[in-house]
Amino acid sequence: MREREGNGGGDPKVVALRSAVSRLRRELAAHPREFAERGIAEEELAALGAMAFGGTAEPARLLRSLLAVAGALGSVSALAAPLAALREAVRAFTETGQGR
């Protein structure tokens, strides 16, 4: 199932996802340390952003991107809080009964 939203306001799940993606992208961009998986995290955040801001949120795709981002950033403690916020935002789309 796809969630479609316009650009204004809308579904609180979509708004939370947009906010979480934006926050993590900003904090990753500002993070001074380079690490091998940074490019993976940036690519998957771009994909999440496209889904969130484009109005489509496919639960399975959101989860795959989240797992890739978490794997890439899991050891970067400075990004733990925004990563947790992203995890919660994606969880809203993937809870039992969602996307069926």
N, C-alpha and C. Protein backbone atom coordinates (compact mmCIF):
# COMPACT_ATOMS: atom_id res chain seq x y z
N MET A 1 0.84 -1.18 0.00
CA MET A 1 0.00 0.00 0.00
C MET A 1 0.88 1.24 0.00
N ARG A 2 0.45 2.24 -0.67
CA ARG A 2 1.19 3.49 -0.72
C ARG A 2 0.42 4.58 -0.01
N GLU A 3 1.15 5.41 0.71
CA GLU A 3 0.57 6.59 1.35
C GLU A 3 0.84 7.75 0.41
N ARG A 4 -0.17 8.47 0.05
CA ARG A 4 0.02 9.64 -0.80
C ARG A 4 -0.43 10.87 -0.03
N GLU A 5 0.42 11.87 -0.03
CA GLU A 5 0.14 13.11 0.68
C GLU A 5 0.54 14.28 -0.20
N GLY A 6 -0.15 15.36 -0.02
CA GLY A 6 0.24 16.59 -0.69
C GLY A 6 1.41 17.21 0.05
N ASN A 7 1.83 18.35 -0.37
CA ASN A 7 2.98 19.00 0.25
C ASN A 7 2.65 19.71 1.54
N GLY A 8 1.40 19.98 1.81
CA GLY A 8 1.06 20.73 3.01
C GLY A 8 0.53 19.84 4.11
N GLY A 9 1.14 19.92 5.30
CA GLY A 9 0.65 19.20 6.47
C GLY A 9 0.48 17.74 6.19
N GLY A 10 -0.75 17.26 6.42
CA GLY A 10 -1.06 15.90 6.05
C GLY A 10 -0.90 14.90 7.16
N ASP A 11 -0.75 13.67 6.77
CA ASP A 11 -0.63 12.53 7.65
C ASP A 11 0.52 12.73 8.64
N PRO A 12 0.24 12.60 9.93
CA PRO A 12 1.31 12.78 10.94
C PRO A 12 2.48 11.81 10.75
N LYS A 13 2.22 10.62 10.23
CA LYS A 13 3.30 9.66 9.97
C LYS A 13 4.25 10.20 8.91
N VAL A 14 3.69 10.79 7.88
CA VAL A 14 4.51 11.33 6.79
C VAL A 14 5.30 12.54 7.29
N VAL A 15 4.64 13.39 8.07
CA VAL A 15 5.31 14.57 8.63
C VAL A 15 6.47 14.14 9.52
N ALA A 16 6.26 13.13 10.36
CA ALA A 16 7.32 12.63 11.25
C ALA A 16 8.47 12.04 10.44
N LEU A 17 8.16 11.31 9.38
CA LEU A 17 9.19 10.73 8.53
C LEU A 17 10.01 11.82 7.86
N ARG A 18 9.34 12.83 7.31
CA ARG A 18 10.05 13.94 6.67
C ARG A 18 10.99 14.61 7.66
N SER A 19 10.49 14.87 8.85
CA SER A 19 11.29 15.54 9.87
C SER A 19 12.50 14.70 10.27
N ALA A 20 12.28 13.41 10.48
CA ALA A 20 13.38 12.53 10.90
C ALA A 20 14.44 12.41 9.81
N VAL A 21 14.02 12.28 8.57
CA VAL A 21 14.98 12.19 7.46
C VAL A 21 15.77 13.48 7.36
N SER A 22 15.09 14.61 7.41
CA SER A 22 15.78 15.90 7.31
C SER A 22 16.79 16.09 8.43
N ARG A 23 16.39 15.77 9.66
CA ARG A 23 17.28 15.93 10.79
C ARG A 23 18.54 15.06 10.64
N LEU A 24 18.35 13.79 10.30
CA LEU A 24 19.50 12.91 10.19
C LEU A 24 20.41 13.32 9.04
N ARG A 25 19.83 13.76 7.94
CA ARG A 25 20.65 14.23 6.81
C ARG A 25 21.48 15.44 7.21
N ARG A 26 20.87 16.39 7.95
CA ARG A 26 21.60 17.57 8.41
C ARG A 26 22.73 17.19 9.35
N GLU A 27 22.42 16.33 10.32
CA GLU A 27 23.43 15.97 11.31
C GLU A 27 24.56 15.13 10.69
N LEU A 28 24.22 14.29 9.72
CA LEU A 28 25.26 13.52 9.03
C LEU A 28 26.15 14.46 8.21
N ALA A 29 25.55 15.42 7.54
CA ALA A 29 26.33 16.37 6.75
C ALA A 29 27.28 17.18 7.63
N ALA A 30 26.86 17.48 8.84
CA ALA A 30 27.69 18.28 9.75
C ALA A 30 28.72 17.44 10.51
N HIS A 31 28.56 16.12 10.46
CA HIS A 31 29.47 15.25 11.21
C HIS A 31 30.85 15.27 10.55
N PRO A 32 31.88 15.60 11.33
CA PRO A 32 33.20 15.79 10.72
C PRO A 32 33.95 14.52 10.34
N ARG A 33 33.62 13.42 10.97
CA ARG A 33 34.38 12.19 10.74
C ARG A 33 33.94 11.50 9.45
N GLU A 34 34.93 11.07 8.69
CA GLU A 34 34.65 10.27 7.50
C GLU A 34 34.70 8.80 7.90
N PHE A 35 33.85 7.99 7.30
CA PHE A 35 33.85 6.56 7.53
C PHE A 35 33.38 5.89 6.26
N ALA A 36 33.76 4.63 6.11
CA ALA A 36 33.55 3.91 4.86
C ALA A 36 32.09 3.84 4.42
N GLU A 37 31.19 3.71 5.35
CA GLU A 37 29.78 3.52 5.02
C GLU A 37 29.00 4.82 4.88
N ARG A 38 29.66 5.94 4.98
CA ARG A 38 28.96 7.24 4.92
C ARG A 38 28.18 7.38 3.61
N GLY A 39 28.78 7.00 2.50
CA GLY A 39 28.10 7.09 1.20
C GLY A 39 26.83 6.27 1.15
N ILE A 40 26.87 5.08 1.74
CA ILE A 40 25.67 4.23 1.79
C ILE A 40 24.57 4.93 2.57
N ALA A 41 24.93 5.48 3.73
CA ALA A 41 23.95 6.19 4.55
C ALA A 41 23.35 7.36 3.78
N GLU A 42 24.19 8.13 3.11
CA GLU A 42 23.70 9.29 2.36
C GLU A 42 22.77 8.88 1.23
N GLU A 43 23.11 7.80 0.51
CA GLU A 43 22.26 7.32 -0.58
C GLU A 43 20.90 6.86 -0.07
N GLU A 44 20.90 6.10 1.01
CA GLU A 44 19.64 5.59 1.55
C GLU A 44 18.80 6.70 2.17
N LEU A 45 19.45 7.69 2.78
CA LEU A 45 18.70 8.84 3.29
C LEU A 45 18.07 9.63 2.14
N ALA A 46 18.78 9.71 1.03
CA ALA A 46 18.21 10.36 -0.16
C ALA A 46 16.98 9.60 -0.65
N ALA A 47 17.06 8.28 -0.64
CA ALA A 47 15.91 7.46 -1.06
C ALA A 47 14.74 7.65 -0.09
N LEU A 48 15.03 7.65 1.21
CA LEU A 48 13.98 7.88 2.21
C LEU A 48 13.37 9.27 2.03
N GLY A 49 14.21 10.24 1.77
CA GLY A 49 13.72 11.60 1.55
C GLY A 49 12.82 11.69 0.33
N ALA A 50 13.21 11.00 -0.73
CA ALA A 50 12.38 11.01 -1.94
C ALA A 50 11.01 10.40 -1.66
N MET A 51 10.99 9.31 -0.89
CA MET A 51 9.70 8.70 -0.55
C MET A 51 8.88 9.61 0.35
N ALA A 52 9.52 10.20 1.34
CA ALA A 52 8.81 11.04 2.30
C ALA A 52 8.30 12.33 1.65
N PHE A 53 9.14 12.97 0.88
CA PHE A 53 8.76 14.25 0.30
C PHE A 53 8.03 14.08 -1.02
N GLY A 54 8.13 12.90 -1.63
CA GLY A 54 7.43 12.63 -2.88
C GLY A 54 6.01 12.14 -2.67
N GLY A 55 5.67 11.83 -1.43
CA GLY A 55 4.31 11.41 -1.13
C GLY A 55 4.08 9.92 -1.19
N THR A 56 5.12 9.13 -1.39
CA THR A 56 4.95 7.68 -1.37
C THR A 56 5.76 7.11 -0.22
N ALA A 57 5.15 6.20 0.48
CA ALA A 57 5.86 5.55 1.59
C ALA A 57 5.51 4.07 1.55
N GLU A 58 6.36 3.29 0.95
CA GLU A 58 6.15 1.85 0.86
C GLU A 58 6.84 1.21 2.06
N PRO A 59 6.08 0.59 2.94
CA PRO A 59 6.66 0.06 4.18
C PRO A 59 7.88 -0.84 3.99
N ALA A 60 7.85 -1.75 3.05
CA ALA A 60 8.98 -2.66 2.85
C ALA A 60 10.23 -1.89 2.40
N ARG A 61 10.05 -0.94 1.51
CA ARG A 61 11.19 -0.13 1.03
C ARG A 61 11.72 0.77 2.14
N LEU A 62 10.82 1.36 2.93
CA LEU A 62 11.26 2.18 4.06
C LEU A 62 12.11 1.36 5.02
N LEU A 63 11.67 0.15 5.31
CA LEU A 63 12.40 -0.70 6.23
C LEU A 63 13.77 -1.09 5.69
N ARG A 64 13.84 -1.42 4.41
CA ARG A 64 15.14 -1.76 3.81
C ARG A 64 16.11 -0.58 3.90
N SER A 65 15.62 0.61 3.61
CA SER A 65 16.48 1.79 3.69
C SER A 65 16.90 2.06 5.13
N LEU A 66 15.98 1.92 6.06
CA LEU A 66 16.32 2.11 7.47
C LEU A 66 17.41 1.14 7.89
N LEU A 67 17.28 -0.12 7.52
CA LEU A 67 18.28 -1.11 7.90
C LEU A 67 19.65 -0.77 7.31
N ALA A 68 19.68 -0.28 6.10
CA ALA A 68 20.95 0.10 5.48
C ALA A 68 21.56 1.31 6.21
N VAL A 69 20.73 2.29 6.54
CA VAL A 69 21.22 3.47 7.25
C VAL A 69 21.71 3.06 8.64
N ALA A 70 20.94 2.26 9.34
CA ALA A 70 21.34 1.82 10.68
C ALA A 70 22.64 1.04 10.64
N GLY A 71 22.79 0.19 9.66
CA GLY A 71 24.03 -0.57 9.52
C GLY A 71 25.22 0.33 9.23
N ALA A 72 25.00 1.36 8.45
CA ALA A 72 26.08 2.27 8.09
C ALA A 72 26.45 3.21 9.23
N LEU A 73 25.48 3.59 10.04
CA LEU A 73 25.71 4.59 11.08
C LEU A 73 25.69 4.03 12.49
N GLY A 74 25.46 2.75 12.62
CA GLY A 74 25.28 2.15 13.94
C GLY A 74 26.38 2.42 14.94
N SER A 75 27.61 2.56 14.48
CA SER A 75 28.72 2.77 15.41
C SER A 75 29.05 4.24 15.62
N VAL A 76 28.29 5.14 15.01
CA VAL A 76 28.54 6.57 15.16
C VAL A 76 27.61 7.10 16.25
N SER A 77 28.13 7.13 17.47
CA SER A 77 27.29 7.47 18.62
C SER A 77 26.72 8.88 18.55
N ALA A 78 27.38 9.79 17.89
CA ALA A 78 26.88 11.16 17.78
C ALA A 78 25.58 11.23 16.98
N LEU A 79 25.30 10.21 16.18
CA LEU A 79 24.09 10.19 15.36
C LEU A 79 23.02 9.25 15.91
N ALA A 80 23.21 8.77 17.12
CA ALA A 80 22.28 7.81 17.71
C ALA A 80 20.88 8.39 17.89
N ALA A 81 20.75 9.60 18.37
CA ALA A 81 19.43 10.19 18.61
C ALA A 81 18.65 10.42 17.32
N PRO A 82 19.25 11.05 16.29
CA PRO A 82 18.48 11.20 15.05
C PRO A 82 18.20 9.87 14.36
N LEU A 83 19.09 8.90 14.52
CA LEU A 83 18.83 7.57 13.95
C LEU A 83 17.65 6.91 14.66
N ALA A 84 17.57 7.07 15.98
CA ALA A 84 16.44 6.52 16.74
C ALA A 84 15.13 7.18 16.31
N ALA A 85 15.15 8.48 16.05
CA ALA A 85 13.95 9.18 15.59
C ALA A 85 13.52 8.66 14.22
N LEU A 86 14.48 8.39 13.35
CA LEU A 86 14.16 7.83 12.04
C LEU A 86 13.56 6.43 12.20
N ARG A 87 14.14 5.64 13.08
CA ARG A 87 13.63 4.29 13.33
C ARG A 87 12.16 4.35 13.78
N GLU A 88 11.84 5.26 14.67
CA GLU A 88 10.45 5.39 15.15
C GLU A 88 9.52 5.84 14.03
N ALA A 89 9.98 6.76 13.20
CA ALA A 89 9.15 7.24 12.09
C ALA A 89 8.86 6.13 11.10
N VAL A 90 9.86 5.31 10.79
CA VAL A 90 9.65 4.19 9.87
C VAL A 90 8.77 3.14 10.52
N ARG A 91 8.95 2.90 11.80
CA ARG A 91 8.15 1.91 12.52
C ARG A 91 6.65 2.22 12.39
N ALA A 92 6.28 3.48 12.36
CA ALA A 92 4.86 3.86 12.21
C ALA A 92 4.26 3.31 10.92
N PHE A 93 5.09 3.16 9.89
CA PHE A 93 4.62 2.62 8.61
C PHE A 93 4.68 1.10 8.55
N THR A 94 5.45 0.48 9.42
CA THR A 94 5.68 -0.95 9.30
C THR A 94 5.06 -1.76 10.43
N GLU A 95 4.31 -1.10 11.33
CA GLU A 95 3.66 -1.82 12.41
C GLU A 95 2.61 -2.77 11.85
N THR A 96 2.25 -3.76 12.62
CA THR A 96 1.25 -4.74 12.21
C THR A 96 0.00 -4.04 11.71
N GLY A 97 -0.45 -4.46 10.53
CA GLY A 97 -1.64 -3.90 9.95
C GLY A 97 -1.37 -2.76 8.98
N GLN A 98 -0.17 -2.22 8.99
CA GLN A 98 0.18 -1.14 8.08
C GLN A 98 0.67 -1.73 6.77
N GLY A 99 0.34 -1.07 5.69
CA GLY A 99 0.86 -1.45 4.39
C GLY A 99 0.28 -2.73 3.82
N ARG A 100 -0.84 -3.19 4.33
CA ARG A 100 -1.46 -4.41 3.80
C ARG A 100 -2.59 -4.10 2.89
